[in-house]
Protein backbone atom coordinates (compact mmCIF):
# COMPACT_ATOMS: atom_id res chain seq x y z
CA MET A 1 0.14 0.05 -0.12
CA ASP A 2 1.34 3.30 -1.28
CA LEU A 3 2.35 5.29 2.35
CA ASP A 4 3.53 9.30 1.65
CA ILE A 5 5.03 9.69 4.87
CA GLU A 6 6.12 13.17 3.99
CA HIS A 7 2.35 14.06 3.56
CA LEU A 8 1.21 12.40 6.62
CA LYS A 9 4.11 14.45 8.59
CA THR A 10 2.58 17.58 7.23
CA TRP A 11 -0.31 16.81 10.22
CA ILE A 12 2.63 17.31 12.65
CA GLY A 13 1.67 20.48 14.94
CA ALA A 14 -1.91 20.75 14.31
CA THR A 15 -4.10 21.45 17.33
CA ARG A 16 -7.47 20.99 18.54
CA ALA A 17 -8.96 22.29 21.19
CA SER A 18 -12.37 20.85 22.97
CA ARG A 19 -14.62 21.23 26.17
CA ASP A 20 -16.94 18.82 27.96
CA VAL A 21 -18.35 18.67 31.42
CA ILE A 22 -17.95 15.38 34.01
CA SER A 23 -21.53 15.52 34.84
CA PRO A 24 -22.63 12.95 37.25
CA ARG A 25 -24.45 10.77 34.84
CA LEU A 26 -20.90 10.39 32.79
CA ALA A 27 -18.91 9.46 36.19
CA ASN A 28 -21.65 7.64 37.54
CA SER A 29 -21.73 5.36 33.96
CA LEU A 30 -18.01 4.76 34.06
CA ALA A 31 -18.35 4.14 37.85
CA ALA A 32 -21.15 1.50 36.68
CA VAL A 33 -18.71 -0.12 33.84
CA LEU A 34 -15.83 -0.47 36.47
CA ASP A 35 -18.06 -2.30 38.65
CA GLU A 36 -18.40 0.44 41.41
CA THR A 37 -21.24 1.71 42.70
CA PRO A 38 -22.53 4.59 40.94
CA SER A 39 -23.20 7.26 43.65
CA LEU A 40 -21.17 10.23 42.83
CA ARG A 41 -22.23 13.45 43.28
CA GLU A 42 -20.74 17.22 42.29
CA GLY A 43 -17.52 17.46 43.60
CA ASP A 44 -16.54 13.93 43.91
CA VAL A 45 -13.33 12.25 42.34
CA PRO A 46 -14.90 10.74 39.60
CA PRO A 47 -13.45 7.11 38.54
CA ALA A 48 -10.06 6.34 37.02
CA GLY A 49 -9.78 7.24 33.49
CA ILE A 50 -12.78 9.61 33.20
CA HIS A 51 -10.44 11.67 30.71
CA TRP A 52 -11.23 9.17 28.22
CA CYS A 53 -15.00 9.72 28.29
CA LEU A 54 -14.29 13.45 27.25
CA SER A 55 -14.66 14.87 24.27
CA PRO A 56 -15.00 12.44 21.80
CA GLU A 57 -15.00 12.86 18.35
CA ILE A 58 -18.79 13.05 17.46
CA ALA A 59 -19.43 12.49 13.62
CA PRO A 60 -22.48 12.07 12.01
CA MET A 61 -23.41 8.85 10.42
CA SER A 62 -22.68 9.91 6.85
CA GLY A 63 -19.25 11.06 8.08
CA LEU A 64 -17.99 7.59 9.51
CA GLY A 65 -15.57 5.34 7.45
CA PRO A 66 -16.09 1.39 7.03
CA ASP A 67 -14.52 0.84 10.60
CA GLY A 68 -16.94 2.95 12.67
CA HIS A 69 -14.56 5.61 13.10
CA ALA A 70 -15.06 9.35 11.70
CA ALA A 71 -13.63 9.23 8.26
CA ARG A 72 -9.95 10.14 8.10
CA GLY A 73 -8.26 13.15 7.30
CA GLY A 74 -9.47 15.49 9.85
CA PHE A 75 -7.38 16.28 12.88
CA LEU A 76 -5.81 12.84 12.46
CA PRO A 77 -3.67 11.92 9.31
CA PRO A 78 -4.90 9.92 6.76
CA VAL A 79 -3.02 6.89 6.99
CA PRO A 80 -4.04 4.52 4.67
CA LEU A 81 -3.13 1.61 6.44
CA PRO A 82 -6.79 -0.08 7.14
CA ARG A 83 -6.30 -1.35 11.02
CA ARG A 84 -6.22 1.32 13.76
CA MET A 85 -5.54 0.19 17.31
CA TRP A 86 -4.46 1.76 20.76
CA ALA A 87 -0.94 0.99 20.92
CA GLY A 88 -0.34 2.82 24.84
CA GLY A 89 0.55 6.08 26.08
CA GLU A 90 1.45 8.07 29.26
CA LEU A 91 -0.50 10.09 31.64
CA VAL A 92 1.46 12.50 34.10
CA PHE A 93 -1.07 13.93 37.00
CA SER A 94 -0.74 17.03 38.45
CA GLY A 95 -4.19 17.52 39.96
CA GLU A 96 -7.31 15.49 40.16
CA PHE A 97 -10.57 16.01 37.85
CA ARG A 98 -14.09 16.46 40.14
CA VAL A 99 -17.36 15.70 39.17
CA GLY A 100 -19.52 18.82 37.79
CA GLU A 101 -16.69 20.65 36.41
CA GLU A 102 -15.99 21.60 32.75
CA VAL A 103 -12.46 20.50 31.20
CA VAL A 104 -10.93 22.09 28.67
CA ARG A 105 -8.76 19.62 26.41
CA ARG A 106 -5.89 20.59 24.24
CA SER A 107 -4.50 18.16 21.50
CA ARG A 108 -1.45 18.57 19.28
CA ILE A 109 -0.22 16.11 16.59
CA ALA A 110 3.23 15.47 18.07
CA ASP A 111 4.52 13.08 15.22
CA VAL A 112 4.08 10.64 12.71
CA ALA A 113 6.41 7.75 12.25
CA VAL A 114 6.65 4.74 10.16
CA LYS A 115 8.51 1.54 11.17
CA ALA A 116 8.60 -2.07 10.22
CA GLY A 117 7.21 -4.43 12.42
CA ARG A 118 6.37 -8.23 12.29
CA THR A 119 3.34 -8.41 10.34
CA GLY A 120 4.47 -5.50 7.54
CA THR A 121 4.57 -1.56 7.66
CA LEU A 122 3.43 0.39 10.76
CA CYS A 123 2.56 3.87 10.92
CA PHE A 124 2.65 5.67 14.31
CA VAL A 125 0.76 8.60 15.12
CA THR A 126 1.42 10.41 18.39
CA VAL A 127 -0.74 12.94 20.04
CA THR A 128 -0.45 14.80 23.26
CA HIS A 129 -3.40 16.18 25.12
CA ASP A 130 -3.60 18.69 28.32
CA TYR A 131 -6.48 18.55 30.52
CA ALA A 132 -7.60 21.84 32.44
CA GLY A 133 -10.26 22.06 35.14
CA ALA A 134 -11.57 24.87 36.96
CA ARG A 135 -8.39 24.78 39.63
CA GLY A 136 -5.93 24.43 36.24
CA HIS A 137 -3.73 21.61 34.79
CA VAL A 138 -4.80 18.32 35.76
CA LEU A 139 -3.04 16.21 33.23
CA THR A 140 -0.66 15.63 30.37
CA GLU A 141 -1.46 12.70 28.22
CA ARG A 142 0.60 10.93 25.17
CA HIS A 143 -1.57 9.11 23.01
CA ASP A 144 0.37 6.34 20.88
CA ILE A 145 -2.09 5.06 18.08
CA VAL A 146 -0.71 2.34 15.39
CA TYR A 147 -1.99 1.66 12.30
CA ARG A 148 -1.15 -1.40 10.61
CA PRO A 149 -2.02 -3.78 7.34
CA LEU A 150 -4.68 -6.55 8.09
CA GLU A 151 -2.26 -9.56 9.03
CA THR A 152 -3.44 -12.35 11.06
CA ALA A 153 -2.13 -10.39 14.09
CA SER A 154 -4.52 -12.35 16.04
CA ARG A 155 -2.60 -15.81 15.58
CA ARG A 156 0.74 -14.59 15.91
CA PRO A 157 2.55 -16.49 18.77
CA PRO A 158 2.56 -13.98 22.19
CA VAL A 159 5.61 -12.61 23.07
CA GLU A 160 7.03 -13.86 26.20
CA ILE A 161 6.84 -11.35 29.36
CA ASP A 162 8.70 -11.80 32.34
CA LEU A 163 6.50 -10.64 35.32
CA PRO A 164 6.56 -10.64 39.08
CA LEU A 165 4.34 -12.49 41.35
CA ALA A 166 1.22 -10.65 41.82
CA GLU A 167 0.43 -8.88 44.89
CA GLN A 168 -2.99 -7.96 44.09
CA SER A 169 -5.17 -9.18 41.34
CA GLN A 170 -8.75 -8.89 39.89
CA GLU A 171 -10.91 -11.31 37.64
CA VAL A 172 -13.13 -9.49 35.08
CA GLU A 173 -15.47 -10.90 32.74
CA ALA A 174 -14.91 -9.76 29.39
CA SER A 175 -18.41 -9.95 28.33
CA PRO A 176 -20.06 -8.22 25.04
CA VAL A 177 -22.15 -6.21 27.53
CA LEU A 178 -19.08 -4.70 29.17
CA LEU A 179 -17.80 -3.71 25.88
CA ALA A 180 -20.97 -2.08 24.90
CA ARG A 181 -21.32 -0.11 27.92
CA TYR A 182 -17.83 1.06 27.76
CA SER A 183 -18.12 2.05 23.96
CA ALA A 184 -21.31 3.90 24.81
CA VAL A 185 -19.92 5.77 27.70
CA THR A 186 -16.89 7.13 25.54
CA PHE A 187 -19.07 7.17 22.37
CA ASN A 188 -16.69 4.59 20.37
CA GLY A 189 -18.21 3.64 17.05
CA HIS A 190 -15.23 1.14 16.32
CA ARG A 191 -16.71 -2.16 15.03
CA ILE A 192 -14.21 -4.12 16.61
CA HIS A 193 -15.94 -3.70 19.98
CA TYR A 194 -19.23 -4.89 19.14
CA ASP A 195 -19.55 -6.14 15.69
CA ARG A 196 -18.54 -9.79 15.67
CA ASP A 197 -19.25 -10.43 11.80
CA TYR A 198 -16.68 -7.36 11.25
CA CYS A 199 -14.09 -8.50 13.09
CA ARG A 200 -14.05 -11.98 11.55
CA ARG A 201 -14.64 -11.21 7.94
CA GLU A 202 -12.88 -7.93 7.48
CA GLU A 203 -10.05 -7.76 10.34
CA GLY A 204 -9.16 -11.50 10.95
CA TYR A 205 -9.85 -11.47 14.46
CA PRO A 206 -11.59 -14.43 16.46
CA GLY A 207 -13.79 -12.03 18.27
CA LEU A 208 -14.71 -8.73 19.60
CA LEU A 209 -11.75 -6.93 21.11
CA VAL A 210 -11.61 -5.45 24.64
CA HIS A 211 -10.88 -1.78 24.61
CA GLY A 212 -7.17 -0.46 25.36
CA PRO A 213 -8.53 2.63 27.73
CA LEU A 214 -10.70 0.19 29.34
CA GLN A 215 -8.03 -2.04 30.25
CA ALA A 216 -5.84 0.84 31.28
CA SER A 217 -8.54 2.21 33.08
CA PHE A 218 -8.65 -1.02 35.54
CA LEU A 219 -4.87 -0.77 35.73
CA LEU A 220 -4.97 2.88 36.62
CA ARG A 221 -7.58 2.38 39.59
CA LEU A 222 -5.56 -0.70 40.93
CA ALA A 223 -2.47 1.44 40.89
CA GLY A 224 -4.51 3.93 42.89
CA ARG A 225 -5.49 1.06 45.54
CA MET A 226 -1.70 -0.16 45.66
CA ASN A 227 -0.60 3.59 46.40
CA GLY A 228 -2.95 3.62 49.40
CA GLY A 229 -6.08 5.36 47.36
CA ARG A 230 -3.62 8.05 46.00
CA GLN A 231 -3.71 8.67 42.06
CA PRO A 232 -0.46 7.77 40.88
CA GLY A 233 1.79 10.82 39.41
CA ARG A 234 2.96 9.43 36.05
CA PHE A 235 1.06 6.00 34.77
CA ALA A 236 2.39 4.55 31.44
CA PHE A 237 1.04 1.80 29.21
CA ARG A 238 1.52 -0.23 26.34
CA GLY A 239 -1.02 -2.74 24.55
CA THR A 240 1.29 -6.26 24.11
CA ALA A 241 -1.32 -8.25 22.41
CA PRO A 242 -5.28 -8.05 21.45
CA LEU A 243 -7.62 -9.13 24.41
CA PHE A 244 -10.74 -10.83 23.30
CA ASP A 245 -14.38 -11.26 24.80
CA GLY A 246 -15.55 -14.39 25.94
CA GLY A 247 -13.70 -15.21 28.79
CA THR A 248 -12.12 -13.69 31.73
CA PHE A 249 -9.21 -11.46 32.06
CA THR A 250 -7.09 -10.54 35.32
CA VAL A 251 -5.70 -7.26 36.35
CA ASN A 252 -2.64 -7.49 38.33
CA ALA A 253 0.10 -5.36 40.36
CA ALA A 254 3.19 -5.89 42.49
CA ALA A 255 5.52 -3.41 43.74
CA SER A 256 8.55 -2.34 41.73
CA GLY A 257 11.11 -0.33 42.96
CA ALA A 258 9.36 3.13 43.92
CA GLY A 259 6.28 2.16 41.99
CA HIS A 260 4.54 -0.68 40.65
CA SER A 261 4.31 -2.85 38.25
CA LEU A 262 0.86 -3.60 36.27
CA TRP A 263 -0.52 -5.87 33.75
CA VAL A 264 -3.42 -7.41 32.24
CA ARG A 265 -3.67 -11.44 31.63
CA SER A 266 -5.97 -13.07 29.49
CA GLN A 267 -7.76 -16.00 30.21
CA ASP A 268 -5.31 -18.12 28.18
CA GLY A 269 -2.21 -16.44 29.95
CA THR A 270 -1.40 -14.05 27.54
CA VAL A 271 -0.36 -10.74 28.66
CA THR A 272 -2.16 -8.06 26.85
CA MET A 273 -1.27 -4.88 28.46
CA GLN A 274 1.22 -3.86 30.32
CA ALA A 275 2.01 -0.46 32.66
CA THR A 276 4.11 0.94 35.30
CA ALA A 277 2.91 3.57 37.72
CA GLU A 278 4.93 5.90 40.05
């Protein structure tokens, strides 16, 4: 596939600003998805990962691409590779979000790069987001997006990852209902999370995929618990393998140096996401 990297690099430096409100309904919806009691009120601290529910891209049905995302070529560069995935990112907190406050997000395309992967050409797009609430700056996020060809990535043997013994672990059912509710609370139309026929016929996956930020939200919440209920100052994560529905997965954590090592493990033992928190 023809990939004009010099043309795609012209998107570097593009910016966009948006505003949203952490309403009690939004915060309690995410709490319910994470299986927490939905009893949050204005002024409370919302669930971990609430920023991924804010300011979603809202396109009319006529403005969607075949995968359910908004058609390419707007704020994000029009990468011609068909498979788009959330590769990972980093969160650096300087404060806390609060239910009821308005949040301003300022986004910037930081980099566009092409690399050779095990399945062929990969294109990485790095986006930075700065979030500010009523009391000032709260969060700087680096968001890594990877575009790849339609290869049989789901059938590749997983990479062996050496991990410590978990000190805390939580089991989560990867049900279609969980995926549907998270897609709803984040206004995510990507068909890989709810359209099983599309997953199998178009993208070659054996089942529905569990969202990367949903896995990261479970890890971020566990990092807070490991930190005595305090939000970590820095949280970095990366996807290592697809996680499919139809079974259970575990969210795990162990102390590591001055912080914590965290990971998600699928029912068959594959590590699908790793993270560090400090």
